[in-house]
Structure formats: C-alpha cells, structure tokens
N, C-alpha and C. Protein backbone atom coordinates (compact mmCIF):
# COMPACT_ATOMS: atom_id res chain seq x y z
N MET A 1 0.86 -1.19 0.00
CA MET A 1 0.00 0.00 0.00
C MET A 1 0.89 1.23 0.00
N LYS A 2 0.47 2.20 -0.73
CA LYS A 2 1.28 3.40 -0.90
C LYS A 2 1.12 4.35 0.27
N LYS A 3 2.24 4.72 0.91
CA LYS A 3 2.21 5.65 2.04
C LYS A 3 2.10 7.07 1.54
N ARG A 4 1.22 7.84 2.31
CA ARG A 4 1.08 9.26 1.97
C ARG A 4 2.04 10.10 2.80
N LYS A 5 2.64 11.00 2.20
CA LYS A 5 3.61 11.86 2.86
C LYS A 5 2.96 13.22 3.18
N LEU A 6 3.09 13.61 4.44
CA LEU A 6 2.53 14.91 4.85
C LEU A 6 3.24 16.03 4.13
N LYS A 7 2.45 16.98 3.77
CA LYS A 7 3.05 18.13 3.12
C LYS A 7 3.91 18.91 4.10
N GLY A 8 4.84 19.65 3.61
CA GLY A 8 5.83 20.33 4.45
C GLY A 8 5.28 21.33 5.44
N PHE A 9 4.15 21.94 5.13
CA PHE A 9 3.65 23.01 6.01
C PHE A 9 2.77 22.49 7.14
N VAL A 10 2.42 21.18 7.12
CA VAL A 10 1.48 20.64 8.10
C VAL A 10 2.09 20.58 9.48
N LEU A 11 3.29 20.01 9.61
CA LEU A 11 3.92 19.88 10.92
C LEU A 11 4.16 21.24 11.58
N PRO A 12 4.75 22.18 10.90
CA PRO A 12 4.90 23.51 11.54
C PRO A 12 3.58 24.09 11.99
N THR A 13 2.52 23.84 11.20
CA THR A 13 1.21 24.38 11.58
C THR A 13 0.71 23.73 12.87
N LEU A 14 0.93 22.39 12.96
CA LEU A 14 0.53 21.69 14.18
C LEU A 14 1.30 22.21 15.40
N TYR A 15 2.62 22.41 15.19
CA TYR A 15 3.44 22.95 16.28
C TYR A 15 2.90 24.30 16.75
N VAL A 16 2.55 25.14 15.80
CA VAL A 16 2.04 26.48 16.16
C VAL A 16 0.73 26.38 16.92
N LEU A 17 -0.15 25.46 16.47
CA LEU A 17 -1.44 25.28 17.15
C LEU A 17 -1.24 24.80 18.58
N VAL A 18 -0.33 23.80 18.74
CA VAL A 18 -0.07 23.28 20.10
C VAL A 18 0.49 24.37 21.01
N ILE A 19 1.45 25.10 20.49
CA ILE A 19 2.05 26.18 21.28
C ILE A 19 1.00 27.23 21.61
N GLY A 20 0.10 27.52 20.64
CA GLY A 20 -0.96 28.50 20.88
C GLY A 20 -1.89 28.04 21.98
N VAL A 21 -2.28 26.76 21.94
CA VAL A 21 -3.16 26.21 22.98
C VAL A 21 -2.49 26.30 24.35
N LEU A 22 -1.21 25.92 24.41
CA LEU A 22 -0.46 26.01 25.68
C LEU A 22 -0.41 27.44 26.19
N PHE A 23 -0.15 28.36 25.29
CA PHE A 23 -0.04 29.77 25.68
C PHE A 23 -1.37 30.28 26.24
N ILE A 24 -2.49 29.90 25.53
CA ILE A 24 -3.82 30.33 25.99
C ILE A 24 -4.14 29.72 27.35
N SER A 25 -3.76 28.43 27.52
CA SER A 25 -4.02 27.75 28.80
C SER A 25 -3.26 28.42 29.93
N ILE A 26 -1.99 28.74 29.68
CA ILE A 26 -1.16 29.39 30.70
C ILE A 26 -1.73 30.77 31.05
N ALA A 27 -2.20 31.49 30.01
CA ALA A 27 -2.77 32.83 30.24
C ALA A 27 -4.03 32.74 31.09
N LEU A 28 -4.89 31.76 30.77
CA LEU A 28 -6.12 31.59 31.55
C LEU A 28 -5.81 31.22 32.99
N LEU A 29 -4.82 30.34 33.18
CA LEU A 29 -4.43 29.93 34.53
C LEU A 29 -3.87 31.11 35.31
N GLY A 30 -3.08 31.93 34.63
CA GLY A 30 -2.51 33.12 35.28
C GLY A 30 -3.60 34.08 35.74
N ASN A 31 -4.60 34.30 34.88
CA ASN A 31 -5.71 35.17 35.27
C ASN A 31 -6.45 34.65 36.48
N ALA A 32 -6.64 33.31 36.49
CA ALA A 32 -7.34 32.71 37.64
C ALA A 32 -6.55 32.91 38.92
N LEU A 33 -5.23 32.73 38.82
CA LEU A 33 -4.39 32.93 40.00
C LEU A 33 -4.44 34.37 40.47
N ARG A 34 -4.45 35.31 39.50
CA ARG A 34 -4.48 36.74 39.87
C ARG A 34 -5.80 37.08 40.55
N VAL A 35 -6.90 36.49 40.08
CA VAL A 35 -8.21 36.74 40.69
C VAL A 35 -8.21 36.26 42.12
N ASN A 36 -7.67 35.06 42.35
CA ASN A 36 -7.62 34.52 43.71
C ASN A 36 -6.74 35.37 44.61
N THR A 37 -5.61 35.81 44.04
CA THR A 37 -4.70 36.63 44.83
C THR A 37 -5.35 37.94 45.22
N ASN A 38 -6.03 38.59 44.27
CA ASN A 38 -6.69 39.86 44.57
C ASN A 38 -7.78 39.68 45.61
N TYR A 39 -8.52 38.56 45.50
CA TYR A 39 -9.58 38.31 46.47
C TYR A 39 -8.99 38.17 47.86
N GLY A 40 -7.84 37.45 47.91
CA GLY A 40 -7.19 37.30 49.20
C GLY A 40 -6.79 38.63 49.78
N ASN A 41 -6.22 39.52 49.00
CA ASN A 41 -5.81 40.83 49.48
C ASN A 41 -7.00 41.64 49.96
N MET A 42 -8.12 41.56 49.22
CA MET A 42 -9.32 42.29 49.62
C MET A 42 -9.83 41.79 50.97
N ALA A 43 -9.75 40.49 51.18
CA ALA A 43 -10.21 39.93 52.44
C ALA A 43 -9.35 40.46 53.59
N VAL A 44 -8.05 40.50 53.38
CA VAL A 44 -7.16 41.03 54.43
C VAL A 44 -7.45 42.49 54.70
N ASP A 45 -7.64 43.26 53.61
CA ASP A 45 -7.95 44.68 53.79
C ASP A 45 -9.25 44.86 54.55
N ALA A 46 -10.25 44.03 54.24
CA ALA A 46 -11.53 44.14 54.93
C ALA A 46 -11.37 43.86 56.41
N ILE A 47 -10.55 42.83 56.73
CA ILE A 47 -10.31 42.52 58.14
C ILE A 47 -9.61 43.67 58.83
N LYS A 48 -8.66 44.28 58.14
CA LYS A 48 -7.95 45.41 58.73
C LYS A 48 -8.90 46.55 59.03
N ASP A 49 -9.88 46.75 58.12
CA ASP A 49 -10.81 47.86 58.29
C ASP A 49 -11.73 47.67 59.47
N ILE A 50 -12.15 46.41 59.75
CA ILE A 50 -13.16 46.20 60.77
C ILE A 50 -12.58 45.76 62.10
N THR A 51 -11.30 45.41 62.13
CA THR A 51 -10.70 44.93 63.36
C THR A 51 -10.29 46.10 64.24
N VAL A 52 -10.67 46.06 65.51
CA VAL A 52 -10.27 47.08 66.47
C VAL A 52 -9.00 46.64 67.15
N PRO A 53 -7.93 47.43 67.09
CA PRO A 53 -6.67 47.03 67.71
C PRO A 53 -6.86 46.82 69.21
N VAL A 54 -6.16 45.81 69.73
CA VAL A 54 -6.21 45.54 71.17
C VAL A 54 -5.20 46.44 71.86
N THR A 55 -5.67 47.30 72.72
CA THR A 55 -4.80 48.23 73.43
C THR A 55 -5.14 48.18 74.90
N ASN A 56 -4.28 48.77 75.72
CA ASN A 56 -4.56 48.87 77.14
C ASN A 56 -5.73 49.80 77.37
N VAL A 57 -6.57 49.49 78.36
CA VAL A 57 -7.71 50.33 78.68
C VAL A 57 -7.22 51.68 79.18
N THR A 58 -7.71 52.73 78.58
CA THR A 58 -7.31 54.08 78.98
C THR A 58 -7.98 54.44 80.29
N GLN A 59 -7.18 54.95 81.20
CA GLN A 59 -7.75 55.33 82.49
C GLN A 59 -8.69 56.51 82.34
N ASN A 60 -9.80 56.40 83.05
CA ASN A 60 -10.78 57.48 83.02
C ASN A 60 -10.20 58.71 83.69
N SER A 61 -10.31 59.88 83.04
CA SER A 61 -9.73 61.10 83.59
C SER A 61 -10.70 61.82 84.52
N GLN A 62 -11.92 61.28 84.67
CA GLN A 62 -12.94 61.95 85.45
C GLN A 62 -12.55 62.07 86.92
N ILE A 63 -12.83 63.22 87.50
CA ILE A 63 -12.66 63.44 88.94
C ILE A 63 -14.00 63.93 89.49
N VAL A 64 -14.46 63.28 90.54
CA VAL A 64 -15.75 63.62 91.13
C VAL A 64 -15.58 63.88 92.63
N ARG A 65 -16.60 64.46 93.22
CA ARG A 65 -16.61 64.63 94.67
C ARG A 65 -16.79 63.26 95.33
N PRO A 66 -16.26 63.08 96.54
CA PRO A 66 -16.27 61.75 97.16
C PRO A 66 -17.60 61.37 97.82
N TYR A 67 -18.67 61.93 97.34
CA TYR A 67 -20.01 61.61 97.83
C TYR A 67 -21.01 61.92 96.73
N THR A 68 -22.22 61.38 96.86
CA THR A 68 -23.25 61.62 95.85
C THR A 68 -24.51 62.26 96.42
N ASP A 69 -24.60 62.34 97.74
CA ASP A 69 -25.78 62.86 98.41
C ASP A 69 -25.73 64.40 98.45
N ASP A 70 -26.76 65.05 97.93
CA ASP A 70 -26.80 66.51 97.90
C ASP A 70 -26.91 67.13 99.28
N ALA A 71 -27.26 66.32 100.29
CA ALA A 71 -27.40 66.86 101.65
C ALA A 71 -26.05 67.04 102.35
N VAL A 72 -24.98 66.50 101.77
CA VAL A 72 -23.65 66.62 102.37
C VAL A 72 -23.14 68.06 102.24
N THR A 73 -22.60 68.59 103.33
CA THR A 73 -22.07 69.95 103.34
C THR A 73 -20.64 69.96 103.88
N ILE A 74 -19.98 71.09 103.71
CA ILE A 74 -18.61 71.24 104.21
C ILE A 74 -18.67 71.73 105.66
N SER A 75 -18.04 70.95 106.53
CA SER A 75 -17.96 71.34 107.93
C SER A 75 -16.70 72.17 108.19
N LYS A 76 -15.59 71.71 107.64
CA LYS A 76 -14.32 72.43 107.74
C LYS A 76 -13.62 72.40 106.40
N SER A 77 -13.18 73.56 105.93
CA SER A 77 -12.51 73.66 104.64
C SER A 77 -11.02 73.36 104.77
N TYR A 78 -10.37 73.28 103.64
CA TYR A 78 -8.92 73.08 103.60
C TYR A 78 -8.21 74.33 104.13
N TYR A 79 -7.20 74.12 104.94
CA TYR A 79 -6.46 75.26 105.51
C TYR A 79 -5.39 75.70 104.52
N ASP A 80 -5.52 76.94 104.07
CA ASP A 80 -4.57 77.52 103.11
C ASP A 80 -3.85 78.68 103.75
N MET A 81 -2.53 78.64 103.74
CA MET A 81 -1.71 79.70 104.35
C MET A 81 -1.94 81.05 103.68
N GLN A 82 -2.44 81.04 102.44
CA GLN A 82 -2.64 82.28 101.71
C GLN A 82 -4.02 82.90 101.96
N ASP A 83 -4.92 82.17 102.63
CA ASP A 83 -6.26 82.68 102.86
C ASP A 83 -6.27 83.78 103.92
N GLU A 84 -7.35 84.55 103.92
CA GLU A 84 -7.50 85.57 104.96
C GLU A 84 -7.71 84.90 106.31
N GLU A 85 -7.50 85.64 107.37
CA GLU A 85 -7.49 85.08 108.71
C GLU A 85 -8.82 84.44 109.10
N THR A 86 -9.93 85.07 108.72
CA THR A 86 -11.24 84.52 109.08
C THR A 86 -11.45 83.14 108.46
N LYS A 87 -11.09 83.00 107.21
CA LYS A 87 -11.25 81.71 106.54
C LYS A 87 -10.30 80.67 107.13
N GLN A 88 -9.12 81.10 107.52
CA GLN A 88 -8.17 80.18 108.14
C GLN A 88 -8.72 79.66 109.47
N GLN A 89 -9.34 80.54 110.24
CA GLN A 89 -9.92 80.14 111.52
C GLN A 89 -11.03 79.11 111.33
N ASN A 90 -11.81 79.28 110.26
CA ASN A 90 -12.89 78.34 109.96
C ASN A 90 -12.38 77.02 109.39
N SER A 91 -11.08 76.95 109.14
CA SER A 91 -10.48 75.74 108.59
C SER A 91 -9.67 74.98 109.64
N LEU A 92 -9.82 75.35 110.89
CA LEU A 92 -9.14 74.66 111.98
C LEU A 92 -10.05 73.61 112.59
N VAL A 93 -9.50 72.44 112.87
CA VAL A 93 -10.25 71.38 113.55
C VAL A 93 -9.77 71.33 115.01
N TYR A 94 -10.69 70.96 115.89
CA TYR A 94 -10.40 71.02 117.33
C TYR A 94 -10.35 69.61 117.91
N TYR A 95 -9.25 69.33 118.63
CA TYR A 95 -9.10 68.02 119.25
C TYR A 95 -8.29 68.15 120.53
N GLU A 96 -8.91 67.76 121.66
CA GLU A 96 -8.25 67.76 122.97
C GLU A 96 -7.55 69.10 123.25
N ASN A 97 -8.36 70.16 123.22
CA ASN A 97 -7.90 71.51 123.54
C ASN A 97 -6.83 72.03 122.59
N THR A 98 -6.77 71.45 121.39
CA THR A 98 -5.76 71.88 120.42
C THR A 98 -6.43 72.12 119.07
N TYR A 99 -6.09 73.23 118.43
CA TYR A 99 -6.58 73.54 117.09
C TYR A 99 -5.55 73.05 116.07
N LEU A 100 -6.05 72.31 115.10
CA LEU A 100 -5.17 71.74 114.09
C LEU A 100 -5.55 72.26 112.71
N GLN A 101 -4.56 72.51 111.89
CA GLN A 101 -4.82 72.96 110.51
C GLN A 101 -5.37 71.78 109.69
N ASN A 102 -6.49 72.00 109.04
CA ASN A 102 -7.13 70.94 108.28
C ASN A 102 -6.40 70.72 106.95
N SER A 103 -5.91 69.51 106.72
CA SER A 103 -5.16 69.21 105.50
C SER A 103 -6.05 68.66 104.40
N GLY A 104 -7.36 68.68 104.62
CA GLY A 104 -8.31 68.26 103.61
C GLY A 104 -9.60 69.03 103.75
N ILE A 105 -10.72 68.38 103.42
CA ILE A 105 -12.03 68.98 103.66
C ILE A 105 -12.84 68.00 104.50
N LEU A 106 -13.46 68.51 105.55
CA LEU A 106 -14.30 67.70 106.41
C LEU A 106 -15.75 67.89 105.99
N TYR A 107 -16.36 66.81 105.50
CA TYR A 107 -17.76 66.84 105.07
C TYR A 107 -18.64 66.22 106.16
N SER A 108 -19.89 66.66 106.23
CA SER A 108 -20.81 66.09 107.21
C SER A 108 -22.24 66.15 106.69
N SER A 109 -23.11 65.38 107.35
CA SER A 109 -24.52 65.35 106.98
C SER A 109 -25.34 64.89 108.19
N ASP A 110 -26.63 65.18 108.15
CA ASP A 110 -27.52 64.73 109.23
C ASP A 110 -27.81 63.25 109.13
N LYS A 111 -27.51 62.66 107.98
CA LYS A 111 -27.77 61.23 107.80
C LYS A 111 -26.55 60.56 107.17
N GLU A 112 -26.50 59.27 107.32
CA GLU A 112 -25.40 58.50 106.74
C GLU A 112 -25.39 58.63 105.22
N PHE A 113 -24.20 58.73 104.62
CA PHE A 113 -24.10 58.85 103.17
C PHE A 113 -22.99 57.95 102.62
N ASP A 114 -23.13 57.62 101.34
CA ASP A 114 -22.11 56.81 100.67
C ASP A 114 -20.86 57.64 100.41
N VAL A 115 -19.72 57.01 100.62
CA VAL A 115 -18.44 57.63 100.27
C VAL A 115 -17.94 56.94 99.01
N VAL A 116 -17.60 57.71 97.97
CA VAL A 116 -17.21 57.13 96.68
C VAL A 116 -15.80 57.55 96.30
N SER A 117 -15.19 56.76 95.44
CA SER A 117 -13.86 57.08 94.94
C SER A 117 -13.93 58.31 94.03
N ALA A 118 -13.00 59.22 94.22
CA ALA A 118 -12.99 60.46 93.44
C ALA A 118 -12.54 60.24 92.00
N SER A 119 -11.88 59.11 91.74
CA SER A 119 -11.46 58.81 90.36
C SER A 119 -11.02 57.36 90.29
N ASP A 120 -10.66 56.91 89.09
CA ASP A 120 -10.16 55.56 88.93
C ASP A 120 -8.87 55.37 89.72
N GLY A 121 -8.67 54.18 90.23
CA GLY A 121 -7.43 53.94 90.96
C GLY A 121 -7.40 52.56 91.59
N THR A 122 -6.43 52.35 92.46
CA THR A 122 -6.24 51.09 93.18
C THR A 122 -6.22 51.35 94.67
N VAL A 123 -6.96 50.53 95.41
CA VAL A 123 -6.97 50.67 96.87
C VAL A 123 -5.60 50.22 97.38
N SER A 124 -4.79 51.17 97.81
CA SER A 124 -3.41 50.87 98.19
C SER A 124 -3.24 50.61 99.68
N LYS A 125 -4.21 51.07 100.50
CA LYS A 125 -4.06 50.87 101.94
C LYS A 125 -5.40 51.04 102.66
N ILE A 126 -5.66 50.16 103.62
CA ILE A 126 -6.81 50.29 104.52
C ILE A 126 -6.28 50.20 105.95
N SER A 127 -6.64 51.16 106.77
CA SER A 127 -6.11 51.19 108.13
C SER A 127 -7.14 51.81 109.06
N GLN A 128 -6.75 51.94 110.33
CA GLN A 128 -7.63 52.56 111.32
C GLN A 128 -6.83 53.58 112.10
N ASP A 129 -7.38 54.80 112.18
CA ASP A 129 -6.75 55.89 112.91
C ASP A 129 -7.46 56.06 114.25
N GLU A 130 -6.69 56.28 115.31
CA GLU A 130 -7.26 56.39 116.64
C GLU A 130 -8.25 57.54 116.75
N ILE A 131 -7.99 58.63 116.04
CA ILE A 131 -8.85 59.81 116.11
C ILE A 131 -9.89 59.82 114.99
N LEU A 132 -9.45 59.46 113.78
CA LEU A 132 -10.29 59.65 112.59
C LEU A 132 -10.97 58.38 112.08
N GLY A 133 -10.84 57.29 112.78
CA GLY A 133 -11.56 56.07 112.41
C GLY A 133 -10.97 55.32 111.23
N ASN A 134 -11.82 54.58 110.52
CA ASN A 134 -11.36 53.78 109.38
C ASN A 134 -10.88 54.67 108.24
N VAL A 135 -9.79 54.24 107.62
CA VAL A 135 -9.15 55.04 106.57
C VAL A 135 -8.93 54.18 105.32
N VAL A 136 -9.27 54.74 104.17
CA VAL A 136 -9.01 54.08 102.88
C VAL A 136 -8.14 55.01 102.04
N GLU A 137 -7.06 54.47 101.51
CA GLU A 137 -6.17 55.25 100.63
C GLU A 137 -6.24 54.67 99.22
N ILE A 138 -6.43 55.54 98.25
CA ILE A 138 -6.51 55.11 96.84
C ILE A 138 -5.40 55.79 96.05
N THR A 139 -4.63 54.99 95.32
CA THR A 139 -3.57 55.52 94.46
C THR A 139 -4.10 55.61 93.04
N HIS A 140 -3.99 56.80 92.44
CA HIS A 140 -4.53 57.03 91.09
C HIS A 140 -3.43 57.00 90.03
N ASN A 141 -2.26 57.45 90.37
CA ASN A 141 -1.08 57.29 89.52
C ASN A 141 0.15 57.45 90.42
N ASN A 142 1.32 57.47 89.83
CA ASN A 142 2.55 57.52 90.63
C ASN A 142 2.65 58.78 91.48
N ASN A 143 1.93 59.82 91.10
CA ASN A 143 2.06 61.10 91.79
C ASN A 143 0.82 61.50 92.59
N LEU A 144 -0.26 60.75 92.47
CA LEU A 144 -1.53 61.20 93.04
C LEU A 144 -2.20 60.12 93.87
N LYS A 145 -2.64 60.53 95.07
CA LYS A 145 -3.45 59.62 95.89
C LYS A 145 -4.50 60.43 96.65
N THR A 146 -5.59 59.76 97.00
CA THR A 146 -6.63 60.38 97.81
C THR A 146 -6.84 59.52 99.06
N VAL A 147 -7.22 60.19 100.16
CA VAL A 147 -7.39 59.49 101.43
C VAL A 147 -8.76 59.83 102.01
N TYR A 148 -9.46 58.81 102.50
CA TYR A 148 -10.84 58.95 102.99
C TYR A 148 -10.87 58.49 104.45
N TYR A 149 -11.11 59.43 105.36
CA TYR A 149 -11.11 59.14 106.80
C TYR A 149 -12.55 59.12 107.35
N SER A 150 -12.66 58.53 108.54
CA SER A 150 -13.90 58.53 109.32
C SER A 150 -14.99 57.66 108.71
N LEU A 151 -14.60 56.57 108.08
CA LEU A 151 -15.58 55.68 107.49
C LEU A 151 -16.14 54.73 108.55
N LYS A 152 -17.44 54.65 108.58
CA LYS A 152 -18.10 53.73 109.50
C LYS A 152 -17.97 52.29 109.01
N GLU A 153 -18.03 52.14 107.71
CA GLU A 153 -17.98 50.82 107.08
C GLU A 153 -17.13 50.91 105.82
N VAL A 154 -16.23 49.93 105.64
CA VAL A 154 -15.37 49.89 104.45
C VAL A 154 -15.84 48.75 103.55
N LEU A 155 -16.09 49.06 102.28
CA LEU A 155 -16.67 48.10 101.35
C LEU A 155 -15.71 47.64 100.27
N VAL A 156 -14.44 47.98 100.40
CA VAL A 156 -13.43 47.55 99.43
C VAL A 156 -12.30 46.86 100.16
N LYS A 157 -11.41 46.24 99.40
CA LYS A 157 -10.26 45.56 99.96
C LYS A 157 -8.99 46.13 99.34
N GLU A 158 -7.88 45.95 100.04
CA GLU A 158 -6.59 46.40 99.49
C GLU A 158 -6.33 45.70 98.16
N ASN A 159 -5.77 46.44 97.23
CA ASN A 159 -5.41 45.99 95.88
C ASN A 159 -6.61 45.90 94.94
N ASP A 160 -7.80 46.28 95.41
CA ASP A 160 -8.95 46.37 94.50
C ASP A 160 -8.73 47.48 93.48
N THR A 161 -9.03 47.21 92.21
CA THR A 161 -9.01 48.24 91.17
C THR A 161 -10.43 48.76 91.01
N ILE A 162 -10.60 50.05 91.20
CA ILE A 162 -11.95 50.61 91.21
C ILE A 162 -12.05 51.81 90.27
N ALA A 163 -13.28 52.14 89.90
CA ALA A 163 -13.55 53.27 89.01
C ALA A 163 -14.07 54.46 89.80
N ALA A 164 -14.07 55.61 89.16
CA ALA A 164 -14.66 56.80 89.78
C ALA A 164 -16.11 56.51 90.14
N ASN A 165 -16.54 57.05 91.27
CA ASN A 165 -17.91 56.90 91.76
C ASN A 165 -18.21 55.53 92.35
N THR A 166 -17.19 54.68 92.52
CA THR A 166 -17.39 53.40 93.20
C THR A 166 -17.57 53.64 94.70
N VAL A 167 -18.60 53.06 95.27
CA VAL A 167 -18.82 53.21 96.71
C VAL A 167 -17.74 52.43 97.45
N ILE A 168 -16.97 53.13 98.28
CA ILE A 168 -15.89 52.47 99.02
C ILE A 168 -16.23 52.31 100.50
N GLY A 169 -17.28 53.00 100.97
CA GLY A 169 -17.65 52.89 102.37
C GLY A 169 -18.81 53.81 102.73
N LYS A 170 -19.09 53.86 104.02
CA LYS A 170 -20.16 54.71 104.56
C LYS A 170 -19.56 55.76 105.49
N SER A 171 -20.20 56.91 105.54
CA SER A 171 -19.75 57.97 106.44
C SER A 171 -19.84 57.50 107.88
N GLY A 172 -18.98 58.05 108.74
CA GLY A 172 -18.97 57.62 110.13
C GLY A 172 -18.55 58.72 111.08
N ASP A 173 -18.19 58.32 112.28
CA ASP A 173 -17.85 59.26 113.36
C ASP A 173 -16.33 59.37 113.48
N ASN A 174 -15.89 60.38 114.22
CA ASN A 174 -14.47 60.52 114.52
C ASN A 174 -14.31 61.17 115.91
N GLY A 175 -13.07 61.35 116.32
CA GLY A 175 -12.81 61.89 117.65
C GLY A 175 -12.73 63.41 117.72
N LEU A 176 -12.99 64.09 116.62
CA LEU A 176 -12.95 65.55 116.63
C LEU A 176 -14.18 66.09 117.35
N GLU A 177 -14.01 67.16 118.06
CA GLU A 177 -15.10 67.71 118.87
C GLU A 177 -16.09 68.51 118.02
N ASN A 178 -17.36 68.44 118.44
CA ASN A 178 -18.44 69.20 117.81
C ASN A 178 -18.67 68.83 116.35
N GLU A 179 -18.40 67.59 116.02
CA GLU A 179 -18.62 67.15 114.64
C GLU A 179 -19.78 66.16 114.56
N SER A 180 -20.39 66.07 113.40
CA SER A 180 -21.52 65.18 113.18
C SER A 180 -21.10 63.72 113.28
N GLU A 181 -22.08 62.86 113.52
CA GLU A 181 -21.80 61.42 113.54
C GLU A 181 -21.63 60.87 112.13
N ASN A 182 -21.98 61.65 111.14
CA ASN A 182 -21.85 61.24 109.73
C ASN A 182 -20.85 62.15 109.03
N CYS A 183 -19.60 61.74 109.08
CA CYS A 183 -18.52 62.60 108.58
C CYS A 183 -17.66 61.88 107.54
N LEU A 184 -16.95 62.69 106.80
CA LEU A 184 -15.89 62.21 105.91
C LEU A 184 -14.82 63.28 105.85
N LEU A 185 -13.61 62.92 106.22
CA LEU A 185 -12.47 63.81 106.01
C LEU A 185 -11.76 63.33 104.76
N PHE A 186 -11.68 64.19 103.76
CA PHE A 186 -11.14 63.82 102.45
C PHE A 186 -9.88 64.62 102.17
N GLU A 187 -8.78 63.91 101.86
CA GLU A 187 -7.51 64.57 101.56
C GLU A 187 -7.00 64.15 100.18
N VAL A 188 -6.29 65.07 99.55
CA VAL A 188 -5.68 64.82 98.24
C VAL A 188 -4.20 65.13 98.34
N TYR A 189 -3.36 64.20 97.88
CA TYR A 189 -1.92 64.40 97.90
C TYR A 189 -1.35 64.26 96.49
N TYR A 190 -0.68 65.31 96.06
CA TYR A 190 -0.05 65.33 94.74
C TYR A 190 1.44 65.57 94.93
N ASN A 191 2.26 64.64 94.44
CA ASN A 191 3.71 64.69 94.65
C ASN A 191 4.04 64.81 96.14
N GLY A 192 3.25 64.14 96.96
CA GLY A 192 3.52 64.11 98.39
C GLY A 192 3.04 65.31 99.17
N GLU A 193 2.44 66.29 98.49
CA GLU A 193 1.97 67.51 99.14
C GLU A 193 0.46 67.56 99.13
N ALA A 194 -0.13 67.98 100.26
CA ALA A 194 -1.58 68.11 100.34
C ALA A 194 -2.04 69.26 99.45
N MET A 195 -3.17 69.07 98.77
CA MET A 195 -3.74 70.14 97.96
C MET A 195 -5.22 70.30 98.31
N ASP A 196 -5.77 71.46 98.00
CA ASP A 196 -7.16 71.74 98.30
C ASP A 196 -8.06 70.89 97.40
N PRO A 197 -8.90 70.03 97.98
CA PRO A 197 -9.80 69.22 97.16
C PRO A 197 -10.69 70.04 96.23
N GLU A 198 -11.04 71.27 96.63
CA GLU A 198 -11.87 72.11 95.76
C GLU A 198 -11.15 72.44 94.46
N ASP A 199 -9.83 72.54 94.49
CA ASP A 199 -9.05 72.71 93.26
C ASP A 199 -8.99 71.40 92.48
N PHE A 200 -8.87 70.32 93.21
CA PHE A 200 -8.77 68.98 92.62
C PHE A 200 -9.98 68.65 91.77
N TYR A 201 -11.18 69.04 92.21
CA TYR A 201 -12.40 68.70 91.48
C TYR A 201 -12.46 69.36 90.10
N ASN A 202 -11.72 70.43 89.92
CA ASN A 202 -11.74 71.16 88.64
C ASN A 202 -10.65 70.70 87.69
N MET A 203 -9.99 69.58 88.01
CA MET A 203 -8.89 69.10 87.20
C MET A 203 -9.23 67.73 86.62
N THR A 204 -8.29 67.18 85.83
CA THR A 204 -8.40 65.80 85.34
C THR A 204 -7.12 65.07 85.73
N LEU A 205 -7.15 63.76 85.61
CA LEU A 205 -5.96 62.99 85.93
C LEU A 205 -4.78 63.36 85.03
N GLU A 206 -5.07 63.77 83.80
CA GLU A 206 -4.00 64.18 82.89
C GLU A 206 -3.27 65.42 83.43
N ASP A 207 -3.98 66.26 84.16
CA ASP A 207 -3.36 67.44 84.75
C ASP A 207 -2.42 67.08 85.89
N LEU A 208 -2.57 65.88 86.42
CA LEU A 208 -1.88 65.52 87.65
C LEU A 208 -0.94 64.32 87.44
N GLN A 209 -0.43 64.19 86.23
CA GLN A 209 0.51 63.12 85.94
C GLN A 209 1.87 63.43 86.54
C-alpha cells in the first residue's frame, strides 16, 4: 500500500497550534491565579478595616466629689496659708484643747451617706486611725493619691481596682469635737503635698501626671 507523505507546512502548523493552545491555557491559569490573589488581598484589607486594635484600657480622667448625696455639706474647709485670717480660723479642727490645721475637707450630713472614689485607681491601703476612724487610701497614679477618713464601714479591699464613683464605704464618726456622727475627712496628695480638694475637682488625671 502506498504511504502518503505529509506536506511540508502541516507539521509547523501543528506545532504552532499546540504552542498556541499552551499559551492560551497558561494565560487563563494566570488570570485565575491573579483573581484569587486579589480576592485574598481584599479579604485582608476588609479585616484590617473592621478589626479594632487591642490596646490597654485608657484610664478614666474623670474626677468627682467623694459623695453623691446633695445633703452633704462642708464642715471644715482646707487650711490655706494664703487665705484671709477669718477663713483660716474656719479651717481649723479642734481636738483635745488643740486647734489643728485641716489638711483636707471635712464633710458632714444629718444622715449616713455613701463615700465614693474620686477617680479611677487602686486601693493601696486600709487602716484605722485612733482619732479619725477607718481610713481608705486610693492611688490614682505615681504622683496622686486620695485618702478617705472617718468611714463607719469599708466596702473595698486592698489591691482592689476601682472606678470613679465606686462606693468604698459609709460615712462615720471621729474623735474631733463638735462634729456630726456622719462625717468624711477627704484629703488629696499630689507629689507628696496636700492640695485643696476644691481645686482637685476642677482638674483631670492628665493634669496631675
């Protein structure tokens, strides 16, 4: 039987067709890979957009008065060396025939009231004073602490982390003469120095770093 011989242009044509098919296949595969890659990037971007970074809780800068009852009044103000003489006299506390300069503000009421933390902080010390009764000390930062005296009842423990307005105790009695049975002596110390709580209430923790 007579064999037929392929014409000269057939093989090159087949080679070109095969190469063309391979090229088209590679191109299609590349597009598919690019689509998947882009989708992956979009997913990551979307996660970045909706994810909230985990950070340390920012301390609340709020400063409040150490009570919430409107019936609470000031019995003795902070003693300021710069005040006029009359105001200084009204800022003296009396104990065993001795007048003492008040290093805080003495609050009182006709009825028992809640004593609250003036700002966020950690209960650094709980003790008892012979004259001023139960004492709670709260540290707010390295430079600032507040002290609450004359508490009848203490409702927190040492090392408790508390927020502003947290009830830490109940008002109580102390050994100072002519004072109400429902008292709170409140002191503020900044860099180791006593400051007038009335000034303290108008500030934020950022002011006292």
